[in-house]
Amino acid sequence: MIKTALTLSLGLLTLAAHAQMSPVGLWRSIDDETKQAKAEIRISQNAAGDLSGVVEKGLQNNPNTDPNCNLCTDDRKGKPKIGLEIIRGGQQSDGKAVWEGGKILDPENGKNYSLRLTPIDGGKKLEVRGFIGSPLLGRTQTWIRVQ
């Protein structure tokens, strides 16, 4: 009985640790230039494994910032940044702890970039790389897991 309970407990801990090595969850984005918290983004995954990331909360108090994505050029043009889907697509790469193939929108300039997400530090942080063409040509932000 004790052996079964111990095995079950270890199994649940392993599952919890594995789940944390996923980009799914609530993240606080940190600006790569200013190092300031910008927003909270919830990343979810649909049944097909595709990712979606939606801005849940803005964390900057800048009155000069446009609350809408007026520079967006697709179906998100003019939509409020809070509630905006900024991550579309992306799936796990061959069992690795890397999600690629999706796009990420920068609502400040309206541009879409190719996306690579890599959980690090035991899933407590997320490296978010946006790039055009080659992953070598882009920039990386490190987001902090909120939940």
N, C-alpha and C. Protein backbone atom coordinates (compact mmCIF):
# COMPACT_ATOMS: atom_id res chain seq x y z
N MET A 1 0.82 -1.19 0.00
CA MET A 1 0.00 0.00 0.00
C MET A 1 0.87 1.26 0.00
N ILE A 2 1.87 1.30 0.87
CA ILE A 2 2.75 2.46 0.94
C ILE A 2 3.55 2.57 -0.35
N LYS A 3 4.00 1.43 -0.88
CA LYS A 3 4.76 1.41 -2.13
C LYS A 3 3.92 1.96 -3.28
N THR A 4 2.65 1.61 -3.33
CA THR A 4 1.75 2.10 -4.38
C THR A 4 1.54 3.61 -4.25
N ALA A 5 1.34 4.08 -3.03
CA ALA A 5 1.15 5.51 -2.80
C ALA A 5 2.40 6.30 -3.18
N LEU A 6 3.57 5.76 -2.85
CA LEU A 6 4.83 6.42 -3.18
C LEU A 6 5.02 6.47 -4.70
N THR A 7 4.74 5.37 -5.37
CA THR A 7 4.85 5.32 -6.83
C THR A 7 3.90 6.31 -7.48
N LEU A 8 2.67 6.37 -6.99
CA LEU A 8 1.68 7.30 -7.52
C LEU A 8 2.12 8.74 -7.30
N SER A 9 2.63 9.04 -6.12
CA SER A 9 3.10 10.40 -5.81
C SER A 9 4.25 10.81 -6.72
N LEU A 10 5.20 9.92 -6.93
CA LEU A 10 6.33 10.22 -7.80
C LEU A 10 5.87 10.41 -9.25
N GLY A 11 4.90 9.62 -9.66
CA GLY A 11 4.35 9.75 -11.01
C GLY A 11 3.68 11.09 -11.20
N LEU A 12 2.92 11.54 -10.21
CA LEU A 12 2.25 12.83 -10.30
C LEU A 12 3.26 13.98 -10.32
N LEU A 13 4.33 13.86 -9.53
CA LEU A 13 5.37 14.89 -9.53
C LEU A 13 6.06 14.96 -10.89
N THR A 14 6.30 13.80 -11.49
CA THR A 14 6.92 13.77 -12.80
C THR A 14 6.02 14.44 -13.84
N LEU A 15 4.72 14.15 -13.79
CA LEU A 15 3.77 14.77 -14.71
C LEU A 15 3.73 16.28 -14.52
N ALA A 16 3.73 16.72 -13.27
CA ALA A 16 3.70 18.16 -12.99
C ALA A 16 4.96 18.84 -13.52
N ALA A 17 6.11 18.20 -13.34
CA ALA A 17 7.36 18.78 -13.84
C ALA A 17 7.35 18.83 -15.36
N HIS A 18 6.83 17.78 -16.00
CA HIS A 18 6.77 17.75 -17.46
C HIS A 18 5.81 18.84 -17.98
N ALA A 19 4.69 19.03 -17.30
CA ALA A 19 3.72 20.04 -17.72
C ALA A 19 4.34 21.44 -17.64
N GLN A 20 5.23 21.67 -16.68
CA GLN A 20 5.86 22.98 -16.53
C GLN A 20 6.85 23.25 -17.66
N MET A 21 7.31 22.23 -18.37
CA MET A 21 8.25 22.42 -19.47
C MET A 21 7.48 22.67 -20.77
N SER A 22 6.31 23.19 -20.65
CA SER A 22 5.46 23.54 -21.77
C SER A 22 5.23 25.05 -21.75
N PRO A 23 5.01 25.66 -22.91
CA PRO A 23 4.71 27.09 -22.91
C PRO A 23 3.28 27.41 -22.48
N VAL A 24 2.47 26.39 -22.26
CA VAL A 24 1.08 26.62 -21.86
C VAL A 24 1.05 27.19 -20.45
N GLY A 25 0.33 28.29 -20.27
CA GLY A 25 0.20 28.92 -18.97
C GLY A 25 0.12 30.43 -19.10
N LEU A 26 0.23 31.11 -17.97
CA LEU A 26 0.19 32.58 -17.93
C LEU A 26 1.60 33.10 -17.73
N TRP A 27 2.00 34.03 -18.61
CA TRP A 27 3.37 34.53 -18.62
C TRP A 27 3.40 36.06 -18.52
N ARG A 28 4.42 36.56 -17.86
CA ARG A 28 4.66 38.00 -17.80
C ARG A 28 5.77 38.31 -18.81
N SER A 29 5.43 39.10 -19.81
CA SER A 29 6.43 39.46 -20.82
C SER A 29 7.33 40.55 -20.26
N ILE A 30 8.60 40.42 -20.55
CA ILE A 30 9.61 41.37 -20.11
C ILE A 30 10.25 41.96 -21.37
N ASP A 31 10.24 43.28 -21.49
CA ASP A 31 10.83 43.94 -22.64
C ASP A 31 12.33 43.66 -22.67
N ASP A 32 12.82 43.21 -23.83
CA ASP A 32 14.24 42.85 -23.94
C ASP A 32 15.16 44.07 -23.91
N GLU A 33 14.64 45.24 -24.16
CA GLU A 33 15.46 46.45 -24.14
C GLU A 33 15.40 47.16 -22.79
N THR A 34 14.19 47.37 -22.25
CA THR A 34 14.04 48.12 -21.00
C THR A 34 14.07 47.22 -19.76
N LYS A 35 13.87 45.92 -19.96
CA LYS A 35 13.82 44.93 -18.86
C LYS A 35 12.62 45.15 -17.94
N GLN A 36 11.63 45.90 -18.40
CA GLN A 36 10.42 46.16 -17.63
C GLN A 36 9.31 45.19 -18.04
N ALA A 37 8.45 44.85 -17.07
CA ALA A 37 7.29 44.01 -17.37
C ALA A 37 6.34 44.79 -18.28
N LYS A 38 5.86 44.11 -19.35
CA LYS A 38 4.99 44.79 -20.32
C LYS A 38 3.55 44.32 -20.22
N ALA A 39 3.36 43.00 -20.14
CA ALA A 39 2.00 42.47 -20.19
C ALA A 39 1.99 41.04 -19.66
N GLU A 40 0.77 40.55 -19.41
CA GLU A 40 0.59 39.14 -19.08
C GLU A 40 -0.12 38.48 -20.26
N ILE A 41 0.44 37.38 -20.72
CA ILE A 41 -0.07 36.67 -21.89
C ILE A 41 -0.40 35.25 -21.48
N ARG A 42 -1.61 34.80 -21.82
CA ARG A 42 -2.00 33.42 -21.56
C ARG A 42 -1.83 32.61 -22.83
N ILE A 43 -0.98 31.59 -22.73
CA ILE A 43 -0.76 30.68 -23.86
C ILE A 43 -1.55 29.41 -23.61
N SER A 44 -2.34 29.02 -24.60
CA SER A 44 -3.12 27.78 -24.52
C SER A 44 -2.80 26.93 -25.75
N GLN A 45 -3.26 25.68 -25.71
CA GLN A 45 -3.01 24.74 -26.79
C GLN A 45 -4.30 24.05 -27.15
N ASN A 46 -4.63 23.99 -28.44
CA ASN A 46 -5.86 23.32 -28.84
C ASN A 46 -5.62 21.82 -29.01
N ALA A 47 -6.67 21.09 -29.34
CA ALA A 47 -6.58 19.63 -29.45
C ALA A 47 -5.59 19.18 -30.52
N ALA A 48 -5.38 20.00 -31.55
CA ALA A 48 -4.43 19.66 -32.61
C ALA A 48 -2.99 19.97 -32.22
N GLY A 49 -2.80 20.61 -31.06
CA GLY A 49 -1.46 20.93 -30.58
C GLY A 49 -0.99 22.33 -30.94
N ASP A 50 -1.83 23.12 -31.64
CA ASP A 50 -1.45 24.48 -32.01
C ASP A 50 -1.58 25.42 -30.81
N LEU A 51 -0.64 26.36 -30.73
CA LEU A 51 -0.64 27.32 -29.63
C LEU A 51 -1.39 28.59 -29.99
N SER A 52 -1.90 29.25 -28.96
CA SER A 52 -2.54 30.55 -29.07
C SER A 52 -2.14 31.35 -27.84
N GLY A 53 -1.74 32.60 -28.03
CA GLY A 53 -1.38 33.46 -26.91
C GLY A 53 -2.16 34.75 -26.96
N VAL A 54 -2.85 35.05 -25.86
CA VAL A 54 -3.72 36.22 -25.78
C VAL A 54 -3.26 37.13 -24.65
N VAL A 55 -3.19 38.43 -24.93
CA VAL A 55 -2.82 39.42 -23.91
C VAL A 55 -3.98 39.54 -22.93
N GLU A 56 -3.73 39.20 -21.67
CA GLU A 56 -4.77 39.31 -20.64
C GLU A 56 -4.73 40.62 -19.89
N LYS A 57 -3.52 41.18 -19.75
CA LYS A 57 -3.38 42.35 -18.90
C LYS A 57 -2.16 43.15 -19.34
N GLY A 58 -2.33 44.46 -19.45
CA GLY A 58 -1.20 45.35 -19.71
C GLY A 58 -0.59 45.77 -18.39
N LEU A 59 0.73 45.91 -18.35
CA LEU A 59 1.41 46.24 -17.10
C LEU A 59 2.16 47.57 -17.17
N GLN A 60 2.07 48.25 -18.30
CA GLN A 60 2.74 49.53 -18.43
C GLN A 60 1.73 50.66 -18.29
N ASN A 61 2.12 51.69 -17.58
CA ASN A 61 1.24 52.86 -17.40
C ASN A 61 1.78 54.02 -18.23
N ASN A 62 1.77 53.85 -19.54
CA ASN A 62 2.26 54.88 -20.43
C ASN A 62 1.07 55.50 -21.16
N PRO A 63 0.70 56.73 -20.84
CA PRO A 63 -0.48 57.35 -21.47
C PRO A 63 -0.30 57.60 -22.97
N ASN A 64 0.95 57.56 -23.46
CA ASN A 64 1.21 57.79 -24.88
C ASN A 64 1.06 56.51 -25.72
N THR A 65 0.84 55.38 -25.07
CA THR A 65 0.70 54.12 -25.78
C THR A 65 -0.72 53.97 -26.29
N ASP A 66 -0.85 53.65 -27.58
CA ASP A 66 -2.16 53.45 -28.20
C ASP A 66 -2.77 52.16 -27.64
N PRO A 67 -4.01 52.20 -27.12
CA PRO A 67 -4.62 51.00 -26.55
C PRO A 67 -5.07 49.99 -27.61
N ASN A 68 -5.08 50.41 -28.88
CA ASN A 68 -5.49 49.53 -29.97
C ASN A 68 -4.31 49.21 -30.87
N CYS A 69 -4.46 48.13 -31.61
CA CYS A 69 -3.41 47.71 -32.54
C CYS A 69 -3.69 48.33 -33.91
N ASN A 70 -3.51 49.64 -33.99
CA ASN A 70 -3.80 50.36 -35.23
C ASN A 70 -2.76 50.14 -36.31
N LEU A 71 -1.56 49.66 -35.94
CA LEU A 71 -0.53 49.37 -36.92
C LEU A 71 -0.62 47.94 -37.46
N CYS A 72 -1.51 47.13 -36.91
CA CYS A 72 -1.69 45.77 -37.41
C CYS A 72 -2.23 45.84 -38.84
N THR A 73 -1.87 44.85 -39.64
CA THR A 73 -2.28 44.86 -41.04
C THR A 73 -3.23 43.71 -41.38
N ASP A 74 -3.60 42.90 -40.40
CA ASP A 74 -4.48 41.76 -40.67
C ASP A 74 -5.81 41.96 -39.94
N ASP A 75 -6.48 40.86 -39.61
CA ASP A 75 -7.80 40.93 -38.96
C ASP A 75 -7.75 41.55 -37.57
N ARG A 76 -6.58 41.79 -37.02
CA ARG A 76 -6.45 42.39 -35.69
C ARG A 76 -6.34 43.92 -35.73
N LYS A 77 -6.34 44.49 -36.92
CA LYS A 77 -6.21 45.96 -37.06
C LYS A 77 -7.32 46.67 -36.30
N GLY A 78 -6.92 47.63 -35.46
CA GLY A 78 -7.86 48.44 -34.71
C GLY A 78 -8.43 47.78 -33.46
N LYS A 79 -8.08 46.53 -33.22
CA LYS A 79 -8.59 45.81 -32.05
C LYS A 79 -7.81 46.23 -30.80
N PRO A 80 -8.47 46.19 -29.64
CA PRO A 80 -7.77 46.50 -28.38
C PRO A 80 -6.62 45.53 -28.13
N LYS A 81 -5.51 46.06 -27.63
CA LYS A 81 -4.36 45.20 -27.33
C LYS A 81 -4.68 44.22 -26.21
N ILE A 82 -5.50 44.64 -25.24
CA ILE A 82 -5.93 43.71 -24.20
C ILE A 82 -6.97 42.79 -24.82
N GLY A 83 -6.73 41.49 -24.77
CA GLY A 83 -7.60 40.52 -25.41
C GLY A 83 -7.13 40.12 -26.81
N LEU A 84 -6.04 40.75 -27.27
CA LEU A 84 -5.52 40.49 -28.61
C LEU A 84 -4.73 39.19 -28.64
N GLU A 85 -4.99 38.38 -29.67
CA GLU A 85 -4.22 37.14 -29.87
C GLU A 85 -2.91 37.52 -30.56
N ILE A 86 -1.79 37.38 -29.83
CA ILE A 86 -0.50 37.76 -30.40
C ILE A 86 0.32 36.54 -30.84
N ILE A 87 -0.05 35.35 -30.37
CA ILE A 87 0.61 34.12 -30.80
C ILE A 87 -0.41 33.26 -31.52
N ARG A 88 -0.03 32.83 -32.71
CA ARG A 88 -0.89 31.95 -33.50
C ARG A 88 -0.05 30.81 -34.05
N GLY A 89 -0.50 29.59 -33.75
CA GLY A 89 0.18 28.41 -34.29
C GLY A 89 1.43 28.06 -33.50
N GLY A 90 2.17 27.16 -34.05
CA GLY A 90 3.37 26.66 -33.39
C GLY A 90 3.07 25.35 -32.70
N GLN A 91 3.93 24.38 -32.93
CA GLN A 91 3.78 23.07 -32.32
C GLN A 91 5.12 22.60 -31.80
N GLN A 92 5.06 21.62 -30.91
CA GLN A 92 6.27 21.06 -30.33
C GLN A 92 7.09 20.37 -31.40
N SER A 93 8.39 20.59 -31.37
CA SER A 93 9.31 20.02 -32.35
C SER A 93 9.79 18.64 -31.92
N ASP A 94 9.28 17.62 -32.56
CA ASP A 94 9.75 16.24 -32.40
C ASP A 94 10.09 15.84 -30.97
N GLY A 95 9.19 16.09 -30.04
CA GLY A 95 9.40 15.67 -28.66
C GLY A 95 10.38 16.53 -27.88
N LYS A 96 10.95 17.55 -28.50
CA LYS A 96 11.87 18.45 -27.81
C LYS A 96 11.07 19.50 -27.05
N ALA A 97 11.71 20.18 -26.12
CA ALA A 97 11.05 21.25 -25.37
C ALA A 97 11.18 22.57 -26.13
N VAL A 98 10.81 22.54 -27.42
CA VAL A 98 10.84 23.71 -28.28
C VAL A 98 9.57 23.70 -29.11
N TRP A 99 8.92 24.84 -29.21
CA TRP A 99 7.71 24.99 -30.02
C TRP A 99 8.03 25.97 -31.14
N GLU A 100 7.77 25.55 -32.38
CA GLU A 100 8.11 26.36 -33.55
C GLU A 100 6.98 26.31 -34.57
N GLY A 101 7.12 27.13 -35.60
CA GLY A 101 6.18 27.08 -36.71
C GLY A 101 5.04 28.07 -36.63
N GLY A 102 4.96 28.78 -35.53
CA GLY A 102 3.89 29.76 -35.38
C GLY A 102 4.37 31.16 -35.68
N LYS A 103 3.50 32.11 -35.39
CA LYS A 103 3.81 33.53 -35.59
C LYS A 103 3.52 34.28 -34.30
N ILE A 104 4.28 35.35 -34.09
CA ILE A 104 4.04 36.23 -32.96
C ILE A 104 3.92 37.66 -33.49
N LEU A 105 2.94 38.36 -33.00
CA LEU A 105 2.67 39.74 -33.39
C LEU A 105 3.25 40.69 -32.35
N ASP A 106 3.93 41.71 -32.82
CA ASP A 106 4.36 42.80 -31.95
C ASP A 106 3.31 43.90 -32.11
N PRO A 107 2.41 44.06 -31.13
CA PRO A 107 1.33 45.04 -31.28
C PRO A 107 1.82 46.49 -31.29
N GLU A 108 3.08 46.72 -30.91
CA GLU A 108 3.61 48.08 -30.94
C GLU A 108 3.92 48.54 -32.36
N ASN A 109 4.33 47.59 -33.23
CA ASN A 109 4.65 47.98 -34.61
C ASN A 109 3.77 47.27 -35.65
N GLY A 110 2.91 46.36 -35.21
CA GLY A 110 1.98 45.68 -36.11
C GLY A 110 2.61 44.58 -36.95
N LYS A 111 3.86 44.22 -36.69
CA LYS A 111 4.55 43.23 -37.51
C LYS A 111 4.43 41.82 -36.92
N ASN A 112 4.34 40.84 -37.83
CA ASN A 112 4.33 39.43 -37.47
C ASN A 112 5.71 38.84 -37.70
N TYR A 113 6.13 38.01 -36.77
CA TYR A 113 7.44 37.37 -36.85
C TYR A 113 7.27 35.86 -36.69
N SER A 114 8.18 35.10 -37.28
CA SER A 114 8.22 33.67 -37.01
C SER A 114 8.56 33.48 -35.54
N LEU A 115 8.15 32.35 -34.98
CA LEU A 115 8.18 32.17 -33.53
C LEU A 115 8.91 30.90 -33.12
N ARG A 116 9.69 31.01 -32.07
CA ARG A 116 10.27 29.86 -31.40
C ARG A 116 10.11 30.09 -29.89
N LEU A 117 9.51 29.12 -29.20
CA LEU A 117 9.32 29.17 -27.75
C LEU A 117 10.11 28.04 -27.10
N THR A 118 10.90 28.38 -26.08
CA THR A 118 11.71 27.38 -25.39
C THR A 118 11.58 27.59 -23.88
N PRO A 119 10.89 26.68 -23.17
CA PRO A 119 10.87 26.77 -21.71
C PRO A 119 12.27 26.52 -21.15
N ILE A 120 12.67 27.32 -20.17
CA ILE A 120 13.97 27.18 -19.53
C ILE A 120 13.80 27.26 -18.02
N ASP A 121 14.87 27.01 -17.30
CA ASP A 121 14.88 27.11 -15.84
C ASP A 121 13.75 26.28 -15.23
N GLY A 122 13.62 25.03 -15.70
CA GLY A 122 12.60 24.13 -15.17
C GLY A 122 11.18 24.56 -15.51
N GLY A 123 11.01 25.36 -16.56
CA GLY A 123 9.69 25.82 -16.97
C GLY A 123 9.25 27.10 -16.28
N LYS A 124 10.11 27.70 -15.46
CA LYS A 124 9.77 28.95 -14.78
C LYS A 124 9.90 30.16 -15.70
N LYS A 125 10.68 30.00 -16.77
CA LYS A 125 10.89 31.07 -17.73
C LYS A 125 10.67 30.53 -19.14
N LEU A 126 10.40 31.43 -20.06
CA LEU A 126 10.15 31.07 -21.44
C LEU A 126 10.94 32.00 -22.34
N GLU A 127 11.83 31.42 -23.15
CA GLU A 127 12.53 32.20 -24.15
C GLU A 127 11.62 32.33 -25.36
N VAL A 128 11.29 33.56 -25.71
CA VAL A 128 10.40 33.86 -26.82
C VAL A 128 11.25 34.53 -27.89
N ARG A 129 11.44 33.83 -29.01
CA ARG A 129 12.27 34.36 -30.09
C ARG A 129 11.39 34.67 -31.28
N GLY A 130 11.42 35.92 -31.72
CA GLY A 130 10.73 36.36 -32.92
C GLY A 130 11.77 36.68 -33.97
N PHE A 131 11.54 36.22 -35.20
CA PHE A 131 12.53 36.42 -36.25
C PHE A 131 11.90 36.46 -37.62
N ILE A 132 12.66 36.97 -38.57
CA ILE A 132 12.27 36.99 -39.98
C ILE A 132 13.28 36.15 -40.72
N GLY A 133 12.81 35.14 -41.43
CA GLY A 133 13.73 34.26 -42.17
C GLY A 133 14.41 33.28 -41.24
N SER A 134 15.65 33.54 -40.91
CA SER A 134 16.46 32.66 -40.07
C SER A 134 16.32 33.04 -38.59
N PRO A 135 16.29 32.04 -37.71
CA PRO A 135 16.25 32.36 -36.27
C PRO A 135 17.44 33.19 -35.80
N LEU A 136 18.50 33.23 -36.61
CA LEU A 136 19.66 34.05 -36.26
C LEU A 136 19.36 35.54 -36.40
N LEU A 137 18.32 35.86 -37.20
CA LEU A 137 17.96 37.26 -37.45
C LEU A 137 16.69 37.61 -36.69
N GLY A 138 16.85 37.91 -35.43
CA GLY A 138 15.68 38.25 -34.62
C GLY A 138 16.09 38.71 -33.25
N ARG A 139 15.13 38.65 -32.35
CA ARG A 139 15.41 39.03 -30.97
C ARG A 139 14.68 38.09 -30.02
N THR A 140 15.20 38.01 -28.82
CA THR A 140 14.66 37.10 -27.81
C THR A 140 14.26 37.88 -26.58
N GLN A 141 13.08 37.55 -26.07
CA GLN A 141 12.64 38.04 -24.76
C GLN A 141 12.55 36.83 -23.84
N THR A 142 12.78 37.06 -22.56
CA THR A 142 12.58 36.01 -21.56
C THR A 142 11.38 36.39 -20.72
N TRP A 143 10.34 35.57 -20.80
CA TRP A 143 9.11 35.78 -20.05
C TRP A 143 9.16 34.96 -18.78
N ILE A 144 8.44 35.42 -17.76
CA ILE A 144 8.39 34.78 -16.45
C ILE A 144 7.02 34.14 -16.25
N ARG A 145 7.02 32.87 -15.80
CA ARG A 145 5.75 32.19 -15.56
C ARG A 145 5.03 32.80 -14.38
N VAL A 146 3.77 33.16 -14.56
CA VAL A 146 2.92 33.64 -13.48
C VAL A 146 2.15 32.48 -12.90
N GLN A 147 1.63 31.59 -13.76
CA GLN A 147 0.97 30.35 -13.33
C GLN A 147 1.04 29.31 -14.41
